[in-house]
N, C-alpha and C. Protein backbone atom coordinates (compact mmCIF):
# COMPACT_ATOMS: atom_id res chain seq x y z
N TYR A 1 141.96 78.50 294.04
CA TYR A 1 140.72 77.77 293.92
C TYR A 1 140.23 77.40 295.31
N ALA A 2 138.95 77.52 295.54
CA ALA A 2 138.32 77.06 296.77
C ALA A 2 137.62 75.74 296.47
N ILE A 3 137.84 74.76 297.33
CA ILE A 3 137.22 73.45 297.15
C ILE A 3 136.67 72.97 298.48
N LEU A 4 135.68 72.07 298.41
CA LEU A 4 135.26 71.35 299.61
C LEU A 4 136.38 70.37 299.95
N SER A 5 136.73 70.28 301.22
CA SER A 5 137.73 69.30 301.63
C SER A 5 137.21 67.90 301.38
N ASN A 6 138.11 66.99 301.06
CA ASN A 6 137.69 65.60 300.82
C ASN A 6 136.96 65.02 302.01
N GLN A 7 137.46 65.30 303.22
CA GLN A 7 136.86 64.74 304.42
C GLN A 7 135.97 65.78 305.10
N GLN A 8 134.79 65.33 305.47
CA GLN A 8 133.79 66.18 306.13
C GLN A 8 133.31 65.50 307.41
N PRO A 9 134.01 65.68 308.53
CA PRO A 9 133.51 65.10 309.79
C PRO A 9 132.10 65.63 310.07
N ASP A 10 131.23 64.77 310.57
CA ASP A 10 129.84 65.17 310.80
C ASP A 10 129.72 66.43 311.63
N ALA A 11 130.55 66.56 312.65
CA ALA A 11 130.46 67.73 313.54
C ALA A 11 131.00 69.00 312.90
N LEU A 12 131.71 68.87 311.77
CA LEU A 12 132.37 70.02 311.15
C LEU A 12 132.03 70.17 309.67
N THR A 13 130.85 69.79 309.27
CA THR A 13 130.48 69.87 307.86
C THR A 13 130.65 71.28 307.33
N GLY A 14 131.36 71.37 306.21
CA GLY A 14 131.62 72.65 305.58
C GLY A 14 133.11 72.94 305.47
N CYS A 15 133.95 71.97 305.81
CA CYS A 15 135.40 72.17 305.70
C CYS A 15 135.77 72.43 304.23
N CYS A 16 136.61 73.43 304.03
CA CYS A 16 137.04 73.80 302.68
C CYS A 16 138.55 73.99 302.65
N MET A 17 139.06 74.07 301.44
CA MET A 17 140.48 74.35 301.25
C MET A 17 140.65 75.41 300.18
N LEU A 18 141.72 76.17 300.29
CA LEU A 18 142.09 77.16 299.28
C LEU A 18 143.41 76.71 298.67
N LEU A 19 143.43 76.65 297.34
CA LEU A 19 144.62 76.19 296.60
C LEU A 19 145.05 77.29 295.63
N PRO A 20 146.29 77.75 295.72
CA PRO A 20 146.74 78.76 294.76
C PRO A 20 147.10 78.11 293.43
N ASP A 21 147.08 78.91 292.38
CA ASP A 21 147.47 78.42 291.05
C ASP A 21 148.43 79.42 290.44
N PRO A 22 149.66 79.03 290.16
CA PRO A 22 150.25 77.71 290.38
C PRO A 22 150.51 77.48 291.87
N THR A 23 150.74 76.24 292.23
CA THR A 23 150.88 75.87 293.64
C THR A 23 152.35 75.87 294.05
N PRO A 24 152.75 76.84 294.87
CA PRO A 24 154.12 76.82 295.40
C PRO A 24 154.22 75.87 296.59
N ALA A 25 155.43 75.67 297.07
CA ALA A 25 155.64 74.80 298.22
C ALA A 25 155.27 75.47 299.53
N HIS A 26 155.48 76.78 299.65
CA HIS A 26 155.30 77.48 300.92
C HIS A 26 154.68 78.85 300.69
N LEU A 27 154.05 79.38 301.70
CA LEU A 27 153.52 80.74 301.64
C LEU A 27 154.63 81.73 301.32
N SER A 28 155.82 81.48 301.85
CA SER A 28 156.94 82.39 301.61
C SER A 28 157.36 82.44 300.14
N ASP A 29 156.92 81.46 299.34
CA ASP A 29 157.22 81.48 297.91
C ASP A 29 156.35 82.50 297.16
N LEU A 30 155.23 82.89 297.76
CA LEU A 30 154.38 83.91 297.15
C LEU A 30 154.92 85.28 297.54
N LYS A 31 154.97 86.18 296.61
CA LYS A 31 155.54 87.50 296.88
C LYS A 31 154.51 88.59 296.67
N GLY A 32 154.67 89.66 297.43
CA GLY A 32 153.92 90.91 297.25
C GLY A 32 152.42 90.75 297.13
N ASP A 33 151.88 91.27 296.03
CA ASP A 33 150.44 91.29 295.82
C ASP A 33 149.85 89.89 295.72
N VAL A 34 150.61 88.93 295.19
CA VAL A 34 150.10 87.56 295.07
C VAL A 34 149.90 86.95 296.46
N ARG A 35 150.84 87.17 297.35
CA ARG A 35 150.71 86.68 298.72
C ARG A 35 149.53 87.37 299.41
N ALA A 36 149.45 88.67 299.27
CA ALA A 36 148.36 89.43 299.90
C ALA A 36 147.01 88.94 299.38
N GLN A 37 146.91 88.68 298.09
CA GLN A 37 145.64 88.20 297.52
C GLN A 37 145.28 86.83 298.06
N PHE A 38 146.27 85.93 298.18
CA PHE A 38 146.00 84.60 298.71
C PHE A 38 145.46 84.70 300.14
N LEU A 39 146.07 85.53 300.96
CA LEU A 39 145.62 85.67 302.34
C LEU A 39 144.25 86.35 302.43
N MET A 40 143.98 87.31 301.55
CA MET A 40 142.64 87.92 301.53
C MET A 40 141.60 86.90 301.07
N ASP A 41 141.96 86.08 300.09
CA ASP A 41 141.04 85.02 299.64
C ASP A 41 140.79 84.00 300.75
N PHE A 42 141.80 83.71 301.53
CA PHE A 42 141.69 82.79 302.67
C PHE A 42 140.67 83.33 303.67
N ALA A 43 140.77 84.61 303.99
CA ALA A 43 139.81 85.24 304.92
C ALA A 43 138.41 85.26 304.31
N ALA A 44 138.31 85.57 303.02
CA ALA A 44 137.00 85.61 302.35
C ALA A 44 136.36 84.22 302.34
N LEU A 45 137.16 83.18 302.11
CA LEU A 45 136.62 81.82 302.15
C LEU A 45 136.12 81.49 303.55
N GLY A 46 136.85 81.91 304.58
CA GLY A 46 136.37 81.71 305.95
C GLY A 46 135.05 82.41 306.20
N ASP A 47 134.92 83.64 305.71
CA ASP A 47 133.64 84.36 305.86
C ASP A 47 132.51 83.63 305.15
N ALA A 48 132.80 83.13 303.95
CA ALA A 48 131.78 82.41 303.17
C ALA A 48 131.37 81.12 303.88
N VAL A 49 132.34 80.40 304.43
CA VAL A 49 132.03 79.16 305.16
C VAL A 49 131.18 79.49 306.38
N MET A 50 131.51 80.55 307.07
CA MET A 50 130.72 80.94 308.24
C MET A 50 129.28 81.25 307.82
N ASP A 51 129.11 82.01 306.75
CA ASP A 51 127.77 82.34 306.25
C ASP A 51 127.00 81.10 305.83
N ALA A 52 127.66 80.22 305.08
CA ALA A 52 126.98 79.07 304.49
C ALA A 52 126.63 78.00 305.51
N THR A 53 127.42 77.89 306.58
CA THR A 53 127.22 76.81 307.54
C THR A 53 126.56 77.26 308.84
N GLY A 54 126.58 78.56 309.11
CA GLY A 54 126.09 79.04 310.41
C GLY A 54 127.08 78.75 311.52
N ALA A 55 128.35 78.55 311.17
CA ALA A 55 129.38 78.26 312.17
C ALA A 55 129.50 79.40 313.17
N ASP A 56 129.92 79.03 314.36
CA ASP A 56 130.15 80.00 315.43
C ASP A 56 131.49 80.70 315.26
N ARG A 57 132.46 79.97 314.71
CA ARG A 57 133.79 80.52 314.45
C ARG A 57 134.46 79.67 313.38
N ILE A 58 135.62 80.13 312.93
CA ILE A 58 136.37 79.44 311.88
C ILE A 58 137.79 79.21 312.38
N ASN A 59 138.31 78.01 312.11
CA ASN A 59 139.73 77.74 312.32
C ASN A 59 140.42 77.83 310.96
N TYR A 60 141.53 78.55 310.92
CA TYR A 60 142.33 78.72 309.70
C TYR A 60 143.64 77.97 309.91
N LEU A 61 143.96 77.04 308.99
CA LEU A 61 145.18 76.25 309.13
C LEU A 61 145.95 76.21 307.82
N MET A 62 147.25 76.43 307.90
CA MET A 62 148.17 76.20 306.78
C MET A 62 149.29 75.35 307.34
N LEU A 63 149.22 74.06 307.10
CA LEU A 63 150.19 73.15 307.70
C LEU A 63 151.25 72.69 306.71
N CYS A 64 150.83 72.16 305.59
CA CYS A 64 151.73 71.69 304.53
C CYS A 64 152.74 70.66 305.03
N ASN A 65 152.34 69.86 306.02
CA ASN A 65 153.23 68.83 306.56
C ASN A 65 153.15 67.55 305.74
N GLN A 66 151.95 67.06 305.49
CA GLN A 66 151.79 65.80 304.77
C GLN A 66 151.78 66.01 303.26
N VAL A 67 151.22 67.11 302.81
CA VAL A 67 151.19 67.45 301.39
C VAL A 67 152.12 68.65 301.23
N PRO A 68 153.21 68.50 300.50
CA PRO A 68 154.23 69.55 300.47
C PRO A 68 153.95 70.71 299.51
N GLU A 69 152.70 70.96 299.20
CA GLU A 69 152.33 72.11 298.40
C GLU A 69 151.44 73.01 299.24
N LEU A 70 151.57 74.31 299.02
CA LEU A 70 150.77 75.28 299.78
C LEU A 70 149.28 75.02 299.57
N HIS A 71 148.58 74.91 300.67
CA HIS A 71 147.13 74.82 300.68
C HIS A 71 146.67 75.30 302.05
N ALA A 72 145.48 75.85 302.11
CA ALA A 72 144.98 76.42 303.35
C ALA A 72 143.63 75.81 303.69
N HIS A 73 143.48 75.39 304.94
CA HIS A 73 142.25 74.77 305.42
C HIS A 73 141.37 75.80 306.13
N VAL A 74 140.09 75.75 305.84
CA VAL A 74 139.09 76.56 306.54
C VAL A 74 138.14 75.56 307.19
N VAL A 75 138.10 75.57 308.52
CA VAL A 75 137.32 74.57 309.26
C VAL A 75 136.28 75.28 310.12
N PRO A 76 135.00 75.04 309.83
CA PRO A 76 133.95 75.65 310.66
C PRO A 76 133.89 74.98 312.02
N ARG A 77 133.64 75.77 313.05
CA ARG A 77 133.45 75.24 314.39
C ARG A 77 132.08 75.69 314.88
N PHE A 78 131.40 74.80 315.58
CA PHE A 78 130.01 75.02 315.94
C PHE A 78 129.82 74.93 317.46
N ASP A 79 128.86 75.70 317.96
CA ASP A 79 128.56 75.64 319.39
C ASP A 79 127.88 74.34 319.78
N THR A 80 127.52 73.50 318.81
CA THR A 80 126.91 72.20 319.08
C THR A 80 127.95 71.10 319.30
N GLU A 81 129.23 71.41 319.08
CA GLU A 81 130.29 70.43 319.30
C GLU A 81 130.42 70.11 320.79
N ASP A 82 130.95 68.94 321.06
CA ASP A 82 131.31 68.60 322.43
C ASP A 82 132.24 69.69 322.95
N PRO A 83 131.95 70.28 324.11
CA PRO A 83 132.76 71.40 324.60
C PRO A 83 134.25 71.10 324.73
N GLU A 84 134.60 69.87 325.08
CA GLU A 84 136.02 69.52 325.20
C GLU A 84 136.68 69.41 323.84
N LEU A 85 135.97 68.84 322.86
CA LEU A 85 136.53 68.72 321.51
C LEU A 85 136.66 70.09 320.85
N ARG A 86 135.73 70.96 321.16
CA ARG A 86 135.70 72.29 320.55
C ARG A 86 136.93 73.12 320.92
N LYS A 87 137.55 72.82 322.04
CA LYS A 87 138.74 73.54 322.48
C LYS A 87 139.99 73.09 321.73
N LEU A 88 139.93 71.93 321.09
CA LEU A 88 141.11 71.34 320.48
C LEU A 88 141.26 71.74 319.02
N ASP A 89 142.48 71.59 318.53
CA ASP A 89 142.76 71.68 317.11
C ASP A 89 141.81 70.69 316.42
N PRO A 90 141.13 71.09 315.36
CA PRO A 90 140.15 70.18 314.74
C PRO A 90 140.78 68.89 314.23
N LEU A 91 142.03 68.94 313.79
CA LEU A 91 142.68 67.73 313.29
C LEU A 91 143.04 66.77 314.42
N ALA A 92 143.15 67.28 315.63
CA ALA A 92 143.39 66.44 316.81
C ALA A 92 142.08 65.95 317.41
N ALA A 93 141.03 66.76 317.29
CA ALA A 93 139.75 66.44 317.92
C ALA A 93 138.92 65.43 317.13
N TYR A 94 139.08 65.43 315.81
CA TYR A 94 138.22 64.61 314.96
C TYR A 94 139.07 63.73 314.04
N ASP A 95 138.54 62.57 313.71
CA ASP A 95 139.22 61.62 312.83
C ASP A 95 138.86 61.95 311.38
N PHE A 96 139.61 62.84 310.79
CA PHE A 96 139.35 63.24 309.41
C PHE A 96 139.53 62.07 308.44
N GLY A 97 140.44 61.18 308.74
CA GLY A 97 140.68 60.03 307.87
C GLY A 97 139.47 59.11 307.75
N GLN A 98 138.66 59.05 308.79
CA GLN A 98 137.47 58.20 308.79
C GLN A 98 136.19 58.98 308.47
N ALA A 99 136.31 60.28 308.26
CA ALA A 99 135.13 61.11 307.98
C ALA A 99 134.57 60.80 306.60
N ARG A 100 133.32 61.14 306.43
CA ARG A 100 132.68 60.90 305.13
C ARG A 100 133.33 61.78 304.07
N ARG A 101 133.29 61.30 302.84
CA ARG A 101 133.84 62.05 301.70
C ARG A 101 132.84 63.11 301.27
N ALA A 102 133.36 64.26 300.90
CA ALA A 102 132.51 65.33 300.37
C ALA A 102 131.85 64.85 299.08
N ASP A 103 130.61 65.26 298.88
CA ASP A 103 129.87 64.88 297.67
C ASP A 103 129.05 66.08 297.22
N ALA A 104 129.62 66.84 296.29
CA ALA A 104 128.99 68.07 295.81
C ALA A 104 127.74 67.83 294.98
N THR A 105 127.52 66.60 294.54
CA THR A 105 126.30 66.29 293.78
C THR A 105 125.26 65.59 294.64
N GLY A 106 125.61 65.31 295.89
CA GLY A 106 124.70 64.62 296.81
C GLY A 106 124.43 65.45 298.04
N PRO A 107 124.86 64.96 299.23
CA PRO A 107 124.52 65.64 300.48
C PRO A 107 125.12 67.04 300.64
N ASP A 108 126.16 67.36 299.87
CA ASP A 108 126.78 68.69 300.00
C ASP A 108 126.35 69.67 298.91
N ALA A 109 125.42 69.29 298.08
CA ALA A 109 125.00 70.15 296.96
C ALA A 109 124.47 71.50 297.44
N GLU A 110 123.62 71.50 298.45
CA GLU A 110 123.05 72.76 298.95
C GLU A 110 124.13 73.61 299.61
N LEU A 111 125.02 72.97 300.35
CA LEU A 111 126.13 73.68 300.97
C LEU A 111 127.00 74.33 299.89
N LEU A 112 127.33 73.59 298.85
CA LEU A 112 128.15 74.13 297.77
C LEU A 112 127.49 75.34 297.13
N LYS A 113 126.20 75.26 296.91
CA LYS A 113 125.46 76.38 296.33
C LYS A 113 125.56 77.62 297.23
N LYS A 114 125.38 77.43 298.53
CA LYS A 114 125.48 78.55 299.48
C LYS A 114 126.90 79.13 299.50
N LEU A 115 127.89 78.26 299.46
CA LEU A 115 129.27 78.72 299.44
C LEU A 115 129.56 79.53 298.18
N GLN A 116 129.10 79.03 297.04
CA GLN A 116 129.32 79.75 295.78
C GLN A 116 128.67 81.13 295.81
N GLN A 117 127.46 81.21 296.33
CA GLN A 117 126.76 82.50 296.41
C GLN A 117 127.49 83.46 297.34
N SER A 118 127.92 82.96 298.47
CA SER A 118 128.62 83.81 299.43
C SER A 118 129.96 84.28 298.89
N LEU A 119 130.69 83.40 298.22
CA LEU A 119 131.97 83.77 297.64
C LEU A 119 131.79 84.80 296.52
N ALA A 120 130.78 84.61 295.71
CA ALA A 120 130.53 85.54 294.61
C ALA A 120 130.28 86.94 295.13
N ALA A 121 129.67 87.03 296.30
CA ALA A 121 129.37 88.34 296.88
C ALA A 121 130.60 88.97 297.56
N ARG A 122 131.65 88.19 297.78
CA ARG A 122 132.80 88.66 298.57
C ARG A 122 134.08 88.87 297.80
N ALA A 123 134.42 87.93 296.94
CA ALA A 123 135.77 87.95 296.38
C ALA A 123 135.79 87.30 295.01
N ASN A 124 136.92 87.36 294.42
CA ASN A 124 137.12 86.76 293.11
C ASN A 124 137.63 85.33 293.26
N ILE A 125 136.84 84.51 293.99
CA ILE A 125 137.20 83.11 294.21
C ILE A 125 136.08 82.28 293.60
N THR A 126 136.45 81.21 292.92
CA THR A 126 135.44 80.32 292.36
C THR A 126 135.52 78.97 293.05
N MET A 127 134.37 78.31 293.12
CA MET A 127 134.29 76.98 293.72
C MET A 127 133.77 76.01 292.72
């Protein structure tokens, strides 16, 4: 499943996550075609985020440090960011804990629509 991340820092609007179903603890728990599909979906979600947000590049993260279930972060990066912050890991550069919450029925509705359209054109991922 592709979802909007709960936290949306103003400079990085469009952060998303990919969640497998069922959710294993680690990428290594996925085998063969299932693993390959998850990674292809991860790349497709990054492409969709880039299309929907106009991002300059995408950061792909699979950390699973705080939440012990496999999930993958797709973080858009923009040329409008502070040049020093843009060089850093997005989780180090921005305070995600204090960022605004995603709202798919409010300020993120148009973004969600663009993401859904882009995903539909790319892969078998639903948002």
